[in-house]
């Protein structure tokens, strides 16, 4: 199974992605065969800072779980309930 095929299962979820020129926390919007669309979250303000289109072969690492990702999900969830 290719990485992009697996990422398709995780669309609209928060994660950390490292690619050839950087790495950020955010929300995966779309995973296609040639690129992925990823909304980057500024971890200090917990707001979306930019949308990045990443060429799929440049993806080096994806973290879907873990304490950092859980913290981001919890902080974003608490902001939703306050608004």
Protein backbone atom coordinates (compact mmCIF):
# COMPACT_ATOMS: atom_id res chain seq x y z
CA UNK A 1 0.00 0.00 0.00
CA UNK A 2 1.31 3.44 -0.88
CA UNK A 3 1.47 6.26 1.66
CA UNK A 4 -0.99 8.40 -0.30
CA UNK A 5 -3.53 5.57 -0.32
CA UNK A 6 -3.24 5.30 3.46
CA UNK A 7 -3.49 9.09 3.90
CA UNK A 8 -6.79 9.03 1.99
CA UNK A 9 -8.26 7.26 5.05
CA UNK A 10 -7.17 10.15 7.30
CA UNK A 11 -8.61 13.11 5.39
CA UNK A 12 -10.10 15.81 7.68
CA UNK A 13 -7.98 14.70 10.64
CA UNK A 14 -5.22 16.49 12.53
CA UNK A 15 -1.64 15.27 12.20
CA UNK A 16 2.00 16.19 11.86
CA UNK A 17 3.54 15.94 8.39
CA UNK A 18 7.24 16.31 7.58
CA UNK A 19 8.18 16.85 3.95
CA UNK A 20 11.41 17.62 2.10
CA UNK A 21 11.50 21.34 3.00
CA UNK A 22 9.63 21.50 6.31
CA UNK A 23 7.22 19.97 8.76
CA UNK A 24 4.05 21.28 10.41
CA UNK A 25 1.02 20.34 12.48
CA UNK A 26 -2.32 20.73 10.77
CA UNK A 27 -5.37 19.19 9.19
CA UNK A 28 -5.22 17.01 6.10
CA UNK A 29 -7.84 18.28 3.67
CA UNK A 30 -7.21 16.20 0.55
CA UNK A 31 -4.86 13.35 -0.39
CA UNK A 32 -4.46 12.71 -4.10
CA UNK A 33 -2.03 10.76 -6.22
CA UNK A 34 0.09 13.79 -7.13
CA UNK A 35 -0.35 16.17 -4.15
CA UNK A 36 -1.94 16.61 -0.75
CA UNK A 37 -3.70 19.71 0.58
CA UNK A 38 -2.79 20.49 4.17
CA UNK A 39 -4.04 23.33 6.41
CA UNK A 40 -1.16 24.35 8.70
CA UNK A 41 -1.98 25.28 12.30
CA UNK A 42 0.06 27.84 14.21
CA UNK A 43 0.65 25.96 17.48
CA UNK A 44 0.95 29.19 19.48
CA UNK A 45 -2.42 30.67 18.48
CA UNK A 46 -4.17 27.42 17.42
CA UNK A 47 -5.42 29.09 14.25
CA UNK A 48 -4.92 28.08 10.65
CA UNK A 49 -1.98 30.01 9.25
CA UNK A 50 -1.78 28.75 5.67
CA UNK A 51 -2.78 26.05 3.22
CA UNK A 52 0.07 24.04 1.73
CA UNK A 53 -0.03 21.84 -1.37
CA UNK A 54 2.68 19.19 -1.04
CA UNK A 55 3.89 16.99 -3.88
CA UNK A 56 3.20 13.46 -2.59
CA UNK A 57 6.67 11.95 -3.24
CA UNK A 58 8.22 14.66 -1.00
CA UNK A 59 6.42 13.45 2.16
CA UNK A 60 8.92 11.93 4.57
CA UNK A 61 6.95 11.36 7.78
CA UNK A 62 3.37 11.43 9.04
CA UNK A 63 2.34 11.29 12.72
CA UNK A 64 -1.36 10.72 13.20
CA UNK A 65 -1.36 10.11 16.96
CA UNK A 66 0.83 10.99 19.88
CA UNK A 67 0.81 13.49 22.70
CA UNK A 68 1.47 16.58 20.55
CA UNK A 69 -1.32 15.77 18.10
CA UNK A 70 -3.67 14.98 21.01
CA UNK A 71 -2.84 18.36 22.60
CA UNK A 72 -3.69 20.19 19.39
CA UNK A 73 -6.98 18.32 19.01
CA UNK A 74 -7.87 19.08 22.66
CA UNK A 75 -7.06 22.78 22.36
CA UNK A 76 -9.00 23.14 19.12
CA UNK A 77 -11.95 21.27 20.65
CA UNK A 78 -11.99 23.58 23.67
CA UNK A 79 -12.04 26.63 21.39
CA UNK A 80 -15.04 25.23 19.51
CA UNK A 81 -17.05 24.74 22.70
CA UNK A 82 -16.28 28.30 23.86
CA UNK A 83 -17.50 29.84 20.60
